Amino acid sequence: MDLSVEDNAEKHRFETTIEGYTAFIDYKRKPGEITILHTEVPKELEGCGIAAAMTKYVLEYIEENKLQLVPLCPYMRSYLKKHPEYQHLVKDKAVNKL
């Protein structure tokens, strides 16, 4: 799925709006690090692959910006289990064992 995802720095989240509904991934940033807190897709858009597409976008953003990832969001953690190619982004793998 090809989405237009934007970093809404003011709200500390990545977001996309489809058919008037906004899906988002909340985060907290520190220098060199991003903590993913929560992923939310409105029920009207569920089952369309939006969370997965946004998560992939966010992981590529993290990689491109050379950030370390702290995945507190259950959806993000689940995605990482299914996509081990992104494991190298996870900060302190001993603590954040997926």
PDB file of N, CA and C in Angstrom:
ATOM      1  N   MET A   1       0.847  -1.177   0.000  1.00  0.00           N
ATOM      2  CA  MET A   1       0.000   0.000   0.000  1.00  0.00           C
ATOM      3  C   MET A   1       0.890   1.236   0.000  1.00  0.00           C
ATOM      4  N   ASP A   2       0.583   2.180  -0.853  1.00  0.00           N
ATOM      5  CA  ASP A   2       1.353   3.414  -0.970  1.00  0.00           C
ATOM      6  C   ASP A   2       0.579   4.549  -0.303  1.00  0.00           C
ATOM      7  N   LEU A   3       1.062   4.960   0.861  1.00  0.00           N
ATOM      8  CA  LEU A   3       0.399   6.024   1.620  1.00  0.00           C
ATOM      9  C   LEU A   3       1.256   7.266   1.653  1.00  0.00           C
ATOM     10  N   SER A   4       0.627   8.389   1.879  1.00  0.00           N
ATOM     11  CA  SER A   4       1.344   9.622   2.133  1.00  0.00           C
ATOM     12  C   SER A   4       1.405   9.795   3.652  1.00  0.00           C
ATOM     13  N   VAL A   5       2.553   9.477   4.232  1.00  0.00           N
ATOM     14  CA  VAL A   5       2.743   9.552   5.681  1.00  0.00           C
ATOM     15  C   VAL A   5       3.591  10.777   5.975  1.00  0.00           C
ATOM     16  N   GLU A   6       3.181  11.542   6.954  1.00  0.00           N
ATOM     17  CA  GLU A   6       3.928  12.745   7.326  1.00  0.00           C
ATOM     18  C   GLU A   6       4.278  12.709   8.808  1.00  0.00           C
ATOM     19  N   ASP A   7       5.384  13.336   9.132  1.00  0.00           N
ATOM     20  CA  ASP A   7       5.811  13.484  10.520  1.00  0.00           C
ATOM     21  C   ASP A   7       5.190  14.767  11.058  1.00  0.00           C
ATOM     22  N   ASN A   8       4.197  14.629  11.923  1.00  0.00           N
ATOM     23  CA  ASN A   8       3.579  15.782  12.562  1.00  0.00           C
ATOM     24  C   ASN A   8       4.341  16.011  13.871  1.00  0.00           C
ATOM     25  N   ALA A   9       5.451  16.737  13.782  1.00  0.00           N
ATOM     26  CA  ALA A   9       6.338  16.946  14.929  1.00  0.00           C
ATOM     27  C   ALA A   9       5.628  17.647  16.084  1.00  0.00           C
ATOM     28  N   GLU A  10       4.684  18.529  15.767  1.00  0.00           N
ATOM     29  CA  GLU A  10       3.957  19.251  16.812  1.00  0.00           C
ATOM     30  C   GLU A  10       3.156  18.295  17.697  1.00  0.00           C
ATOM     31  N   LYS A  11       2.571  17.258  17.090  1.00  0.00           N
ATOM     32  CA  LYS A  11       1.780  16.273  17.835  1.00  0.00           C
ATOM     33  C   LYS A  11       2.588  15.027  18.198  1.00  0.00           C
ATOM     34  N   HIS A  12       3.854  14.985  17.806  1.00  0.00           N
ATOM     35  CA  HIS A  12       4.731  13.846  18.086  1.00  0.00           C
ATOM     36  C   HIS A  12       4.152  12.550  17.526  1.00  0.00           C
ATOM     37  N   ARG A  13       3.822  12.610  16.232  1.00  0.00           N
ATOM     38  CA  ARG A  13       3.297  11.399  15.613  1.00  0.00           C
ATOM     39  C   ARG A  13       3.464  11.438  14.093  1.00  0.00           C
ATOM     40  N   PHE A  14       3.556  10.238  13.528  1.00  0.00           N
ATOM     41  CA  PHE A  14       3.487  10.076  12.084  1.00  0.00           C
ATOM     42  C   PHE A  14       2.015   9.846  11.779  1.00  0.00           C
ATOM     43  N   GLU A  15       1.524  10.447  10.681  1.00  0.00           N
ATOM     44  CA  GLU A  15       0.111  10.300  10.410  1.00  0.00           C
ATOM     45  C   GLU A  15      -0.186  10.283   8.919  1.00  0.00           C
ATOM     46  N   THR A  16      -1.327   9.707   8.608  1.00  0.00           N
ATOM     47  CA  THR A  16      -1.865   9.714   7.255  1.00  0.00           C
ATOM     48  C   THR A  16      -3.374   9.876   7.368  1.00  0.00           C
ATOM     49  N   THR A  17      -3.957  10.592   6.417  1.00  0.00           N
ATOM     50  CA  THR A  17      -5.403  10.785   6.411  1.00  0.00           C
ATOM     51  C   THR A  17      -5.965  10.189   5.126  1.00  0.00           C
ATOM     52  N   ILE A  18      -6.951   9.311   5.300  1.00  0.00           N
ATOM     53  CA  ILE A  18      -7.602   8.631   4.182  1.00  0.00           C
ATOM     54  C   ILE A  18      -9.104   8.776   4.367  1.00  0.00           C
ATOM     55  N   GLU A  19      -9.768   9.271   3.333  1.00  0.00           N
ATOM     56  CA  GLU A  19     -11.230   9.432   3.359  1.00  0.00           C
ATOM     57  C   GLU A  19     -11.695  10.179   4.609  1.00  0.00           C
ATOM     58  N   GLY A  20     -10.911  11.157   5.046  1.00  0.00           N
ATOM     59  CA  GLY A  20     -11.276  11.968   6.196  1.00  0.00           C
ATOM     60  C   GLY A  20     -10.930  11.375   7.548  1.00  0.00           C
ATOM     61  N   TYR A  21     -10.351  10.178   7.574  1.00  0.00           N
ATOM     62  CA  TYR A  21      -9.961   9.514   8.821  1.00  0.00           C
ATOM     63  C   TYR A  21      -8.441   9.541   8.948  1.00  0.00           C
ATOM     64  N   THR A  22      -7.950   9.819  10.152  1.00  0.00           N
ATOM     65  CA  THR A  22      -6.508   9.901  10.377  1.00  0.00           C
ATOM     66  C   THR A  22      -6.021   8.712  11.188  1.00  0.00           C
ATOM     67  N   ALA A  23      -5.029   8.029  10.636  1.00  0.00           N
ATOM     68  CA  ALA A  23      -4.318   6.955  11.336  1.00  0.00           C
ATOM     69  C   ALA A  23      -2.984   7.545  11.770  1.00  0.00           C
ATOM     70  N   PHE A  24      -2.457   7.072  12.916  1.00  0.00           N
ATOM     71  CA  PHE A  24      -1.211   7.667  13.402  1.00  0.00           C
ATOM     72  C   PHE A  24      -0.389   6.683  14.228  1.00  0.00           C
ATOM     73  N   ILE A  25       0.885   7.048  14.360  1.00  0.00           N
ATOM     74  CA  ILE A  25       1.831   6.334  15.211  1.00  0.00           C
ATOM     75  C   ILE A  25       2.476   7.378  16.114  1.00  0.00           C
ATOM     76  N   ASP A  26       2.178   7.310  17.414  1.00  0.00           N
ATOM     77  CA  ASP A  26       2.739   8.251  18.393  1.00  0.00           C
ATOM     78  C   ASP A  26       4.174   7.894  18.725  1.00  0.00           C
ATOM     79  N   TYR A  27       4.984   8.915  18.954  1.00  0.00           N
ATOM     80  CA  TYR A  27       6.374   8.678  19.313  1.00  0.00           C
ATOM     81  C   TYR A  27       6.881   9.718  20.296  1.00  0.00           C
ATOM     82  N   LYS A  28       8.026   9.412  20.878  1.00  0.00           N
ATOM     83  CA  LYS A  28       8.764  10.340  21.733  1.00  0.00           C
ATOM     84  C   LYS A  28      10.201  10.319  21.211  1.00  0.00           C
ATOM     85  N   ARG A  29      10.812  11.484  21.045  1.00  0.00           N
ATOM     86  CA  ARG A  29      12.171  11.542  20.510  1.00  0.00           C
ATOM     87  C   ARG A  29      13.156  12.099  21.523  1.00  0.00           C
ATOM     88  N   LYS A  30      14.354  11.547  21.452  1.00  0.00           N
ATOM     89  CA  LYS A  30      15.527  12.068  22.145  1.00  0.00           C
ATOM     90  C   LYS A  30      16.629  12.083  21.096  1.00  0.00           C
ATOM     91  N   PRO A  31      17.701  12.792  21.324  1.00  0.00           N
ATOM     92  CA  PRO A  31      18.776  12.789  20.334  1.00  0.00           C
ATOM     93  C   PRO A  31      19.231  11.361  20.014  1.00  0.00           C
ATOM     94  N   GLY A  32      19.155  11.001  18.728  1.00  0.00           N
ATOM     95  CA  GLY A  32      19.614   9.696  18.270  1.00  0.00           C
ATOM     96  C   GLY A  32      18.679   8.541  18.563  1.00  0.00           C
ATOM     97  N   GLU A  33      17.490   8.830  19.091  1.00  0.00           N
ATOM     98  CA  GLU A  33      16.587   7.754  19.534  1.00  0.00           C
ATOM     99  C   GLU A  33      15.126   8.156  19.328  1.00  0.00           C
ATOM    100  N   ILE A  34      14.313   7.158  18.989  1.00  0.00           N
ATOM    101  CA  ILE A  34      12.870   7.379  18.887  1.00  0.00           C
ATOM    102  C   ILE A  34      12.153   6.214  19.572  1.00  0.00           C
ATOM    103  N   THR A  35      11.216   6.556  20.423  1.00  0.00           N
ATOM    104  CA  THR A  35      10.405   5.559  21.118  1.00  0.00           C
ATOM    105  C   THR A  35       9.024   5.565  20.471  1.00  0.00           C
ATOM    106  N   ILE A  36       8.617   4.404  19.967  1.00  0.00           N
ATOM    107  CA  ILE A  36       7.291   4.285  19.368  1.00  0.00           C
ATOM    108  C   ILE A  36       6.332   3.848  20.472  1.00  0.00           C
ATOM    109  N   LEU A  37       5.318   4.676  20.718  1.00  0.00           N
ATOM    110  CA  LEU A  37       4.422   4.487  21.850  1.00  0.00           C
ATOM    111  C   LEU A  37       3.103   3.791  21.501  1.00  0.00           C
ATOM    112  N   HIS A  38       2.518   4.145  20.350  1.00  0.00           N
ATOM    113  CA  HIS A  38       1.159   3.670  20.075  1.00  0.00           C
ATOM    114  C   HIS A  38       0.860   3.807  18.585  1.00  0.00           C
ATOM    115  N   THR A  39       0.172   2.815  18.047  1.00  0.00           N
ATOM    116  CA  THR A  39      -0.321   2.858  16.665  1.00  0.00           C
ATOM    117  C   THR A  39      -1.839   2.805  16.714  1.00  0.00           C
ATOM    118  N   GLU A  40      -2.482   3.694  15.962  1.00  0.00           N
ATOM    119  CA  GLU A  40      -3.945   3.699  15.946  1.00  0.00           C
ATOM    120  C   GLU A  40      -4.470   3.913  14.536  1.00  0.00           C
ATOM    121  N   VAL A  41      -5.381   3.039  14.149  1.00  0.00           N
ATOM    122  CA  VAL A  41      -6.069   3.146  12.865  1.00  0.00           C
ATOM    123  C   VAL A  41      -7.567   3.201  13.177  1.00  0.00           C
ATOM    124  N   PRO A  42      -8.278   4.208  12.671  1.00  0.00           N
ATOM    125  CA  PRO A  42      -9.719   4.272  12.922  1.00  0.00           C
ATOM    126  C   PRO A  42     -10.420   2.999  12.436  1.00  0.00           C
ATOM    127  N   LYS A  43     -11.452   2.608  13.150  1.00  0.00           N
ATOM    128  CA  LYS A  43     -12.146   1.353  12.815  1.00  0.00           C
ATOM    129  C   LYS A  43     -12.657   1.352  11.381  1.00  0.00           C
ATOM    130  N   GLU A  44     -12.949   2.520  10.833  1.00  0.00           N
ATOM    131  CA  GLU A  44     -13.429   2.612   9.454  1.00  0.00           C
ATOM    132  C   GLU A  44     -12.367   2.199   8.437  1.00  0.00           C
ATOM    133  N   LEU A  45     -11.098   2.218   8.862  1.00  0.00           N
ATOM    134  CA  LEU A  45      -9.993   1.889   7.954  1.00  0.00           C
ATOM    135  C   LEU A  45      -9.302   0.573   8.310  1.00  0.00           C
ATOM    136  N   GLU A  46      -9.772  -0.099   9.351  1.00  0.00           N
ATOM    137  CA  GLU A  46      -9.135  -1.342   9.782  1.00  0.00           C
ATOM    138  C   GLU A  46      -9.204  -2.409   8.695  1.00  0.00           C
ATOM    139  N   GLY A  47      -8.189  -3.255   8.663  1.00  0.00           N
ATOM    140  CA  GLY A  47      -8.157  -4.371   7.730  1.00  0.00           C
ATOM    141  C   GLY A  47      -7.689  -4.015   6.333  1.00  0.00           C
ATOM    142  N   CYS A  48      -7.198  -2.803   6.153  1.00  0.00           N
ATOM    143  CA  CYS A  48      -6.746  -2.353   4.826  1.00  0.00           C
ATOM    144  C   CYS A  48      -5.223  -2.336   4.703  1.00  0.00           C
ATOM    145  N   GLY A  49      -4.510  -2.749   5.746  1.00  0.00           N
ATOM    146  CA  GLY A  49      -3.049  -2.756   5.700  1.00  0.00           C
ATOM    147  C   GLY A  49      -2.406  -1.420   6.021  1.00  0.00           C
ATOM    148  N   ILE A  50      -3.174  -0.505   6.564  1.00  0.00           N
ATOM    149  CA  ILE A  50      -2.653   0.838   6.834  1.00  0.00           C
ATOM    150  C   ILE A  50      -1.616   0.830   7.944  1.00  0.00           C
ATOM    151  N   ALA A  51      -1.874   0.114   9.028  1.00  0.00           N
ATOM    152  CA  ALA A  51      -0.904   0.060  10.137  1.00  0.00           C
ATOM    153  C   ALA A  51       0.420  -0.526   9.653  1.00  0.00           C
ATOM    154  N   ALA A  52       0.365  -1.579   8.863  1.00  0.00           N
ATOM    155  CA  ALA A  52       1.590  -2.199   8.355  1.00  0.00           C
ATOM    156  C   ALA A  52       2.348  -1.253   7.430  1.00  0.00           C
ATOM    157  N   ALA A  53       1.636  -0.578   6.539  1.00  0.00           N
ATOM    158  CA  ALA A  53       2.287   0.349   5.612  1.00  0.00           C
ATOM    159  C   ALA A  53       2.915   1.522   6.362  1.00  0.00           C
ATOM    160  N   MET A  54       2.210   2.039   7.363  1.00  0.00           N
ATOM    161  CA  MET A  54       2.759   3.147   8.148  1.00  0.00           C
ATOM    162  C   MET A  54       3.974   2.690   8.956  1.00  0.00           C
ATOM    163  N   THR A  55       3.888   1.503   9.529  1.00  0.00           N
ATOM    164  CA  THR A  55       4.994   0.977  10.327  1.00  0.00           C
ATOM    165  C   THR A  55       6.233   0.800   9.460  1.00  0.00           C
ATOM    166  N   LYS A  56       6.062   0.265   8.268  1.00  0.00           N
ATOM    167  CA  LYS A  56       7.203   0.120   7.353  1.00  0.00           C
ATOM    168  C   LYS A  56       7.802   1.488   7.038  1.00  0.00           C
ATOM    169  N   TYR A  57       6.956   2.477   6.765  1.00  0.00           N
ATOM    170  CA  TYR A  57       7.435   3.833   6.502  1.00  0.00           C
ATOM    171  C   TYR A  57       8.254   4.357   7.678  1.00  0.00           C
ATOM    172  N   VAL A  58       7.730   4.176   8.888  1.00  0.00           N
ATOM    173  CA  VAL A  58       8.406   4.675  10.091  1.00  0.00           C
ATOM    174  C   VAL A  58       9.757   3.972  10.277  1.00  0.00           C
ATOM    175  N   LEU A  59       9.804   2.668  10.069  1.00  0.00           N
ATOM    176  CA  LEU A  59      11.061   1.936  10.219  1.00  0.00           C
ATOM    177  C   LEU A  59      12.092   2.391   9.194  1.00  0.00           C
ATOM    178  N   GLU A  60      11.662   2.660   7.975  1.00  0.00           N
ATOM    179  CA  GLU A  60      12.589   3.174   6.961  1.00  0.00           C
ATOM    180  C   GLU A  60      13.060   4.582   7.315  1.00  0.00           C
ATOM    181  N   TYR A  61      12.161   5.389   7.877  1.00  0.00           N
ATOM    182  CA  TYR A  61      12.521   6.727   8.345  1.00  0.00           C
ATOM    183  C   TYR A  61      13.584   6.627   9.438  1.00  0.00           C
ATOM    184  N   ILE A  62      13.384   5.716  10.375  1.00  0.00           N
ATOM    185  CA  ILE A  62      14.327   5.518  11.475  1.00  0.00           C
ATOM    186  C   ILE A  62      15.694   5.117  10.928  1.00  0.00           C
ATOM    187  N   GLU A  63      15.684   4.202   9.983  1.00  0.00           N
ATOM    188  CA  GLU A  63      16.942   3.744   9.393  1.00  0.00           C
ATOM    189  C   GLU A  63      17.642   4.873   8.637  1.00  0.00           C
ATOM    190  N   GLU A  64      16.918   5.593   7.818  1.00  0.00           N
ATOM    191  CA  GLU A  64      17.494   6.693   7.028  1.00  0.00           C
ATOM    192  C   GLU A  64      18.071   7.787   7.918  1.00  0.00           C
ATOM    193  N   ASN A  65      17.456   8.004   9.066  1.00  0.00           N
ATOM    194  CA  ASN A  65      17.895   9.063   9.972  1.00  0.00           C
ATOM    195  C   ASN A  65      18.842   8.562  11.057  1.00  0.00           C
ATOM    196  N   LYS A  66      19.269   7.298  10.921  1.00  0.00           N
ATOM    197  CA  LYS A  66      20.245   6.690  11.830  1.00  0.00           C
ATOM    198  C   LYS A  66      19.841   6.825  13.301  1.00  0.00           C
ATOM    199  N   LEU A  67      18.576   6.511  13.563  1.00  0.00           N
ATOM    200  CA  LEU A  67      18.052   6.557  14.921  1.00  0.00           C
ATOM    201  C   LEU A  67      18.015   5.155  15.502  1.00  0.00           C
ATOM    202  N   GLN A  68      18.029   5.074  16.813  1.00  0.00           N
ATOM    203  CA  GLN A  68      17.816   3.803  17.492  1.00  0.00           C
ATOM    204  C   GLN A  68      16.347   3.754  17.908  1.00  0.00           C
ATOM    205  N   LEU A  69      15.768   2.558  17.809  1.00  0.00           N
ATOM    206  CA  LEU A  69      14.343   2.369  18.060  1.00  0.00           C
ATOM    207  C   LEU A  69      14.092   1.715  19.410  1.00  0.00           C
ATOM    208  N   VAL A  70      13.154   2.313  20.158  1.00  0.00           N
ATOM    209  CA  VAL A  70      12.642   1.694  21.383  1.00  0.00           C
ATOM    210  C   VAL A  70      11.167   1.403  21.091  1.00  0.00           C
ATOM    211  N   PRO A  71      10.830   0.131  20.813  1.00  0.00           N
ATOM    212  CA  PRO A  71       9.464  -0.214  20.413  1.00  0.00           C
ATOM    213  C   PRO A  71       8.567  -0.585  21.593  1.00  0.00           C
ATOM    214  N   LEU A  72       7.899   0.391  22.178  1.00  0.00           N
ATOM    215  CA  LEU A  72       6.981   0.114  23.279  1.00  0.00           C
ATOM    216  C   LEU A  72       5.587  -0.256  22.772  1.00  0.00           C
ATOM    217  N   CYS A  73       5.244   0.165  21.583  1.00  0.00           N
ATOM    218  CA  CYS A  73       3.939  -0.108  20.991  1.00  0.00           C
ATOM    219  C   CYS A  73       3.796  -1.601  20.676  1.00  0.00           C
ATOM    220  N   PRO A  74       2.721  -2.226  21.150  1.00  0.00           N
ATOM    221  CA  PRO A  74       2.514  -3.655  20.866  1.00  0.00           C
ATOM    222  C   PRO A  74       2.455  -3.974  19.368  1.00  0.00           C
ATOM    223  N   TYR A  75       1.844  -3.096  18.579  1.00  0.00           N
ATOM    224  CA  TYR A  75       1.781  -3.358  17.140  1.00  0.00           C
ATOM    225  C   TYR A  75       3.180  -3.324  16.532  1.00  0.00           C
ATOM    226  N   MET A  76       3.978  -2.347  16.911  1.00  0.00           N
ATOM    227  CA  MET A  76       5.341  -2.243  16.398  1.00  0.00           C
ATOM    228  C   MET A  76       6.144  -3.484  16.779  1.00  0.00           C
ATOM    229  N   ARG A  77       6.017  -3.927  18.002  1.00  0.00           N
ATOM    230  CA  ARG A  77       6.746  -5.118  18.454  1.00  0.00           C
ATOM    231  C   ARG A  77       6.325  -6.348  17.649  1.00  0.00           C
ATOM    232  N   SER A  78       5.042  -6.482  17.391  1.00  0.00           N
ATOM    233  CA  SER A  78       4.538  -7.595  16.606  1.00  0.00           C
ATOM    234  C   SER A  78       5.075  -7.534  15.174  1.00  0.00           C
ATOM    235  N   TYR A  79       5.084  -6.351  14.600  1.00  0.00           N
ATOM    236  CA  TYR A  79       5.593  -6.168  13.235  1.00  0.00           C
ATOM    237  C   TYR A  79       7.068  -6.558  13.164  1.00  0.00           C
ATOM    238  N   LEU A  80       7.837  -6.157  14.153  1.00  0.00           N
ATOM    239  CA  LEU A  80       9.269  -6.469  14.174  1.00  0.00           C
ATOM    240  C   LEU A  80       9.515  -7.974  14.265  1.00  0.00           C
ATOM    241  N   LYS A  81       8.654  -8.682  14.967  1.00  0.00           N
ATOM    242  CA  LYS A  81       8.798 -10.141  15.047  1.00  0.00           C
ATOM    243  C   LYS A  81       8.613 -10.776  13.678  1.00  0.00           C
ATOM    244  N   LYS A  82       7.724 -10.217  12.872  1.00  0.00           N
ATOM    245  CA  LYS A  82       7.442 -10.750  11.543  1.00  0.00           C
ATOM    246  C   LYS A  82       8.423 -10.247  10.487  1.00  0.00           C
ATOM    247  N   HIS A  83       9.171  -9.200  10.815  1.00  0.00           N
ATOM    248  CA  HIS A  83      10.093  -8.579   9.855  1.00  0.00           C
ATOM    249  C   HIS A  83      11.475  -8.404  10.504  1.00  0.00           C
ATOM    250  N   PRO A  84      12.210  -9.499  10.640  1.00  0.00           N
ATOM    251  CA  PRO A  84      13.509  -9.439  11.329  1.00  0.00           C
ATOM    252  C   PRO A  84      14.542  -8.553  10.639  1.00  0.00           C
ATOM    253  N   GLU A  85      14.289  -8.172   9.402  1.00  0.00           N
ATOM    254  CA  GLU A  85      15.228  -7.299   8.697  1.00  0.00           C
ATOM    255  C   GLU A  85      15.353  -5.924   9.349  1.00  0.00           C
ATOM    256  N   TYR A  86      14.443  -5.604  10.271  1.00  0.00           N
ATOM    257  CA  TYR A  86      14.503  -4.319  10.974  1.00  0.00           C
ATOM    258  C   TYR A  86      15.037  -4.450  12.409  1.00  0.00           C
ATOM    259  N   GLN A  87      15.372  -5.647  12.836  1.00  0.00           N
ATOM    260  CA  GLN A  87      15.845  -5.877  14.203  1.00  0.00           C
ATOM    261  C   GLN A  87      17.070  -5.031  14.556  1.00  0.00           C
ATOM    262  N   HIS A  88      17.912  -4.761  13.568  1.00  0.00           N
ATOM    263  CA  HIS A  88      19.143  -4.000  13.841  1.00  0.00           C
ATOM    264  C   HIS A  88      18.860  -2.571  14.315  1.00  0.00           C
ATOM    265  N   LEU A  89      17.651  -2.103  14.147  1.00  0.00           N
ATOM    266  CA  LEU A  89      17.291  -0.752  14.581  1.00  0.00           C
ATOM    267  C   LEU A  89      16.966  -0.683  16.067  1.00  0.00           C
ATOM    268  N   VAL A  90      16.648  -1.832  16.665  1.00  0.00           N
ATOM    269  CA  VAL A  90      16.178  -1.856  18.052  1.00  0.00           C
ATOM    270  C   VAL A  90      17.330  -1.577  19.011  1.00  0.00           C
ATOM    271  N   LYS A  91      17.104  -0.611  19.880  1.00  0.00           N
ATOM    272  CA  LYS A  91      18.097  -0.239  20.890  1.00  0.00           C
ATOM    273  C   LYS A  91      18.124  -1.273  22.005  1.00  0.00           C
ATOM    274  N   ASP A  92      19.310  -1.609  22.456  1.00  0.00           N
ATOM    275  CA  ASP A  92      19.514  -2.479  23.610  1.00  0.00           C
ATOM    276  C   ASP A  92      18.641  -3.725  23.535  1.00  0.00           C
ATOM    277  N   LYS A  93      18.980  -4.588  22.599  1.00  0.00           N
ATOM    278  CA  LYS A  93      18.189  -5.785  22.332  1.00  0.00           C
ATOM    279  C   LYS A  93      18.000  -6.681  23.551  1.00  0.00           C
ATOM    280  N   ALA A  94      18.918  -6.645  24.511  1.00  0.00           N
ATOM    281  CA  ALA A  94      18.776  -7.477  25.724  1.00  0.00           C
ATOM    282  C   ALA A  94      17.570  -7.023  26.549  1.00  0.00           C
ATOM    283  N   VAL A  95      17.346  -5.716  26.609  1.00  0.00           N
ATOM    284  CA  VAL A  95      16.240  -5.172  27.397  1.00  0.00           C
ATOM    285  C   VAL A  95      14.932  -5.267  26.610  1.00  0.00           C
ATOM    286  N   ASN A  96      14.992  -4.969  25.338  1.00  0.00           N
ATOM    287  CA  ASN A  96      13.794  -4.929  24.491  1.00  0.00           C
ATOM    288  C   ASN A  96      13.651  -6.216  23.682  1.00  0.00           C
ATOM    289  N   LYS A  97      13.920  -7.329  24.300  1.00  0.00           N
ATOM    290  CA  LYS A  97      13.869  -8.621  23.605  1.00  0.00           C
ATOM    291  C   LYS A  97      12.488  -8.815  22.975  1.00  0.00           C
ATOM    292  N   LEU A  98      12.492  -9.067  21.690  1.00  0.00           N
ATOM    293  CA  LEU A  98      11.215  -9.203  20.970  1.00  0.00           C
ATOM    294  C   LEU A  98      10.850 -10.647  20.813  1.00  0.00           C
TER     295      LEU A  98
END
